Amino acid sequence: MNFSQKFGIFCLILITVVYVYFSFFTKDGFNLPNRNQEEKQETVFDQPEHNEPENSEVKVKSDIKTVKIFVTDAKGNLRPVNRKCDAAAEKSCFAFAVKELVSAPTDWEKKKGLSSEIPQSTKVLSVREGSNNILVDLSSAFESGGGAESTYIRVKQLIKTAQANTKLPVYLYIDGKQADVIGGEGIMVKQPLTERSLDD
């Protein structure tokens, strides 16, 4: 074995020793890689920000309540129909009922012969609910057109819808003013709204 061969073997041994030293020895002594530690580090690294659990989903709970509104049948009689109010999404199921009344009937209800005397152009300006009463403010379109009989029926629709969905006194306002007289025929309305509000 000549010198160059010996030198080559020496270099190979030296490289092997250096590799083994830096791979398995530290200043604290002999230390092999710990598989559990590696897995633990990977788990920490994979955690989402803000310490939220992985695959977390925000579940929105719904609280469905049935409200009742009143429309007219083919004979002009008032009939109740139900609407589903998601109390978790709506600020008020009473306000929801009033809005549904103003927009009624649905296409399906129309096919069943149901209708409404409330003009389609009517808008709900506000529904203010207090601890002692509720104020329903509708646009002036509510009292326009249709004659005395139509006006009478639409007020009855509102009265029955209000009574079906709250025990609090309900007051009707038109364009921000309390509606004591409605329509061109001057139908008197006693407030708050009750079954006797339209009695002479």
Protein backbone atom coordinates (compact mmCIF):
# COMPACT_ATOMS: atom_id res chain seq x y z
CA MET A 1 0.00 0.00 0.00
CA ASN A 2 1.67 3.21 -1.10
CA PHE A 3 1.49 6.63 0.53
CA SER A 4 -1.32 8.00 -1.61
CA GLN A 5 -3.53 5.02 -0.77
CA LYS A 6 -2.82 5.42 2.94
CA PHE A 7 -3.56 9.14 2.74
CA GLY A 8 -6.85 8.46 0.96
CA ILE A 9 -7.95 5.97 3.63
CA PHE A 10 -6.97 8.44 6.35
CA CYS A 11 -9.03 11.21 4.76
CA LEU A 12 -12.00 8.86 4.42
CA ILE A 13 -11.78 7.88 8.08
CA LEU A 14 -11.43 11.52 9.12
CA ILE A 15 -14.48 12.56 7.12
CA THR A 16 -16.48 9.66 8.62
CA VAL A 17 -15.49 10.65 12.17
CA VAL A 18 -16.39 14.30 11.60
CA TYR A 19 -19.76 13.31 10.12
CA VAL A 20 -20.55 10.96 13.00
CA TYR A 21 -19.52 13.57 15.55
CA PHE A 22 -21.67 16.38 14.16
CA SER A 23 -24.57 14.05 13.47
CA PHE A 24 -24.89 12.26 16.83
CA PHE A 25 -22.91 14.20 19.40
CA THR A 26 -23.58 17.58 20.94
CA LYS A 27 -21.92 19.54 23.69
CA ASP A 28 -24.40 17.90 26.12
CA GLY A 29 -23.22 14.43 25.14
CA PHE A 30 -24.60 11.64 23.01
CA ASN A 31 -27.99 12.59 21.58
CA LEU A 32 -29.93 10.70 18.92
CA PRO A 33 -32.85 12.40 17.15
CA ASN A 34 -36.13 11.80 18.99
CA ARG A 35 -38.98 10.84 16.66
CA ASN A 36 -41.60 11.96 19.18
CA GLN A 37 -39.97 15.38 19.45
CA GLU A 38 -39.97 15.74 15.69
CA GLU A 39 -43.68 14.87 15.54
CA LYS A 40 -44.42 17.29 18.37
CA GLN A 41 -42.65 20.08 16.59
CA GLU A 42 -44.62 19.36 13.43
CA THR A 43 -47.90 19.50 15.39
CA VAL A 44 -47.06 22.88 16.88
CA PHE A 45 -46.02 24.18 13.48
CA ASP A 46 -49.30 23.05 11.92
CA GLN A 47 -51.52 24.74 14.50
CA PRO A 48 -53.63 27.57 13.01
CA GLU A 49 -53.07 31.11 14.15
CA HIS A 50 -54.82 32.49 17.26
CA ASN A 51 -54.80 29.01 18.82
CA GLU A 52 -58.02 28.03 17.01
CA PRO A 53 -58.66 24.29 16.64
CA GLU A 54 -58.09 22.81 13.24
CA ASN A 55 -61.10 22.45 10.98
CA SER A 56 -63.17 24.60 13.34
CA GLU A 57 -66.54 25.74 11.99
CA VAL A 58 -68.75 28.54 13.26
CA LYS A 59 -72.23 27.11 13.65
CA VAL A 60 -75.08 29.59 13.39
CA LYS A 61 -78.03 28.45 15.43
CA SER A 62 -81.51 29.18 14.16
CA ASP A 63 -84.58 29.74 16.28
CA ILE A 64 -87.62 29.30 14.05
CA LYS A 65 -90.90 30.74 15.30
CA THR A 66 -94.28 30.72 13.61
CA VAL A 67 -96.00 34.06 13.14
CA LYS A 68 -99.51 34.56 11.84
CA ILE A 69 -100.77 37.11 9.33
CA PHE A 70 -104.27 37.67 7.98
CA VAL A 71 -105.31 37.79 4.33
CA THR A 72 -108.70 37.53 2.60
CA ASP A 73 -110.24 34.56 0.84
CA ALA A 74 -112.35 34.58 -2.31
CA LYS A 75 -115.44 35.51 -0.27
CA GLY A 76 -113.73 38.44 1.42
CA ASN A 77 -113.38 36.70 4.78
CA LEU A 78 -110.19 37.13 6.78
CA ARG A 79 -108.05 33.99 6.93
CA PRO A 80 -104.85 33.38 8.91
CA VAL A 81 -101.72 32.08 7.19
CA ASN A 82 -98.44 31.17 8.83
CA ARG A 83 -94.96 32.48 8.20
CA LYS A 84 -91.68 31.12 9.57
CA CYS A 85 -89.55 33.69 11.38
CA ASP A 86 -85.92 32.97 12.18
CA ALA A 87 -85.62 34.75 15.52
CA ALA A 88 -81.83 34.42 15.39
CA ALA A 89 -81.70 36.36 12.11
CA GLU A 90 -84.59 38.81 12.56
CA LYS A 91 -84.45 41.65 15.07
CA SER A 92 -88.14 41.15 15.82
CA CYS A 93 -90.62 38.50 14.76
CA PHE A 94 -93.43 41.00 15.26
CA ALA A 95 -91.80 43.39 12.78
CA PHE A 96 -91.25 40.42 10.49
CA ALA A 97 -94.98 39.61 10.66
CA VAL A 98 -95.92 43.20 9.74
CA LYS A 99 -93.55 43.16 6.75
CA GLU A 100 -94.95 39.81 5.63
CA LEU A 101 -98.49 41.15 5.94
CA VAL A 102 -97.68 44.16 3.76
CA SER A 103 -96.05 41.96 1.09
CA ALA A 104 -98.69 39.17 1.21
CA PRO A 105 -99.96 37.05 -0.41
CA THR A 106 -97.36 34.71 -1.90
CA ASP A 107 -97.77 33.23 -5.37
CA TRP A 108 -98.84 29.93 -3.82
CA GLU A 109 -101.47 31.71 -1.70
CA LYS A 110 -102.76 33.56 -4.75
CA LYS A 111 -103.31 30.22 -6.47
CA LYS A 112 -105.38 29.18 -3.46
CA GLY A 113 -107.63 32.21 -3.95
CA LEU A 114 -106.14 34.33 -1.15
CA SER A 115 -105.57 38.06 -1.55
CA SER A 116 -104.96 41.23 0.44
CA GLU A 117 -106.65 44.62 0.57
CA ILE A 118 -103.37 46.28 1.56
CA PRO A 119 -102.06 48.22 -1.49
CA GLN A 120 -98.88 46.72 -2.93
CA SER A 121 -97.14 50.10 -2.82
CA THR A 122 -97.45 50.24 0.98
CA LYS A 123 -94.11 50.37 2.82
CA VAL A 124 -93.26 49.66 6.44
CA LEU A 125 -91.47 52.82 7.56
CA SER A 126 -90.70 51.55 11.06
CA VAL A 127 -91.78 49.21 13.82
CA ARG A 128 -90.80 50.61 17.22
CA GLU A 129 -91.18 48.15 20.07
CA GLY A 130 -91.09 49.44 23.62
CA SER A 131 -91.69 47.76 26.93
CA ASN A 132 -95.29 49.04 27.09
CA ASN A 133 -96.42 49.39 23.46
CA ILE A 134 -95.56 48.99 19.79
CA LEU A 135 -95.77 51.71 17.13
CA VAL A 136 -96.27 50.59 13.53
CA ASP A 137 -95.57 53.34 11.00
CA LEU A 138 -96.76 52.70 7.44
CA SER A 139 -96.52 54.85 4.32
CA SER A 140 -99.53 56.84 3.14
CA ALA A 141 -100.14 54.27 0.40
CA PHE A 142 -101.80 52.13 3.09
CA GLU A 143 -104.86 54.40 3.11
CA SER A 144 -105.08 55.11 -0.61
CA GLY A 145 -107.55 53.62 -3.09
CA GLY A 146 -110.13 50.86 -2.84
CA GLY A 147 -112.98 52.70 -1.13
CA ALA A 148 -114.34 52.47 2.39
CA GLU A 149 -114.91 48.71 2.45
CA SER A 150 -111.36 47.95 1.26
CA THR A 151 -109.90 50.37 3.79
CA TYR A 152 -111.95 48.78 6.56
CA ILE A 153 -110.71 45.28 5.65
CA ARG A 154 -107.04 46.27 5.42
CA VAL A 155 -107.18 47.83 8.87
CA LYS A 156 -108.81 44.64 10.17
CA GLN A 157 -105.98 42.63 8.58
CA LEU A 158 -103.46 44.70 10.50
CA ILE A 159 -105.43 44.51 13.76
CA LYS A 160 -105.76 40.73 13.64
CA THR A 161 -102.10 40.28 12.66
CA ALA A 162 -101.00 42.50 15.53
CA GLN A 163 -103.15 40.70 18.09
CA ALA A 164 -101.96 37.30 16.87
CA ASN A 165 -98.30 38.18 17.45
CA THR A 166 -98.16 40.34 20.57
CA LYS A 167 -100.03 41.10 23.77
CA LEU A 168 -98.74 44.67 23.90
CA PRO A 169 -100.92 47.59 22.75
CA VAL A 170 -100.22 48.42 19.09
CA TYR A 171 -100.62 51.91 17.62
CA LEU A 172 -100.92 52.63 13.90
CA TYR A 173 -99.08 55.60 12.43
CA ILE A 174 -99.19 56.87 8.85
CA ASP A 175 -96.14 58.80 7.67
CA GLY A 176 -95.09 59.45 11.25
CA LYS A 177 -98.49 60.62 12.54
CA GLN A 178 -100.95 58.62 14.62
CA ALA A 179 -103.72 57.42 12.32
CA ASP A 180 -106.98 58.32 14.02
CA VAL A 181 -108.74 58.80 10.68
CA ILE A 182 -107.91 56.72 7.58
CA GLY A 183 -108.83 57.07 3.92
CA GLY A 184 -110.77 59.57 1.86
CA GLU A 185 -114.02 58.41 3.48
CA GLY A 186 -112.59 59.29 6.89
CA ILE A 187 -112.83 55.94 8.67
CA MET A 188 -112.31 56.51 12.39
CA VAL A 189 -109.75 54.27 14.10
CA LYS A 190 -109.67 54.01 17.89
CA GLN A 191 -106.14 53.50 19.21
CA PRO A 192 -104.55 51.23 20.32
CA LEU A 193 -105.65 48.68 17.73
CA THR A 194 -108.24 46.22 19.03
CA GLU A 195 -111.24 44.34 17.65
CA ARG A 196 -113.35 47.39 18.57
CA SER A 197 -111.08 50.00 16.93
CA LEU A 198 -113.44 50.31 13.94
CA ASP A 199 -116.68 50.35 15.91
CA ASP A 200 -118.79 53.51 15.56
